[in-house]
Amino acid sequence: MDTIQGKIKNYVFHNKENNYSIARVVTDDDQSITIVGYFPVLGEDVSYAFKGTWVTHRKYGKQLQVETFEKNEEQTELGLISYLSSSFFDGIGPKTAERIVDTLGMDAINRILKDHNVLKDVGLGPTRRAKLRQQLIENQM
């Protein structure tokens, strides 16, 4: 299996029913690569490692058929804010995500997973704190 690392640039196609996706990834060395496979809509500005097999589509050319993917450990502040404000987390918009990162730092996810009450300092109520922690657990890759 080959591995590429990069960020989702855009989705060409995404089927919500089965998560079949066609997306363009900008790699760490600024190449644009098309990836295909069964994966959810991923946060832009978040770096991922995609593993798969190279295939050649007769019309669209060389593509990576993704078999697995994982979020890269090292993220930028902008990437973390983008991830927290993505569609994975109901009720967390860009402003709230920014407050979370400003208050809790780059280790915000681990801190929330250990004790969601750290979100009190961000101004989230008990229900939203518990919901965000649960959604983080469900979306860990």
Foldseek 3Di string as FASTA:
>chain_A
DDKFKFFWPAWPDADPVQGWTWTWGQTPVGDTAIETERDHDAFGQWMKIFDADWDQDPVPGIHGHGDDMATDPDHDLVSQLRRLQDPLAPPRHSVLSNLQCVQVNPCSLVVLLVPLCSCVVSPDDPVSSVRSNVSSVVPHD
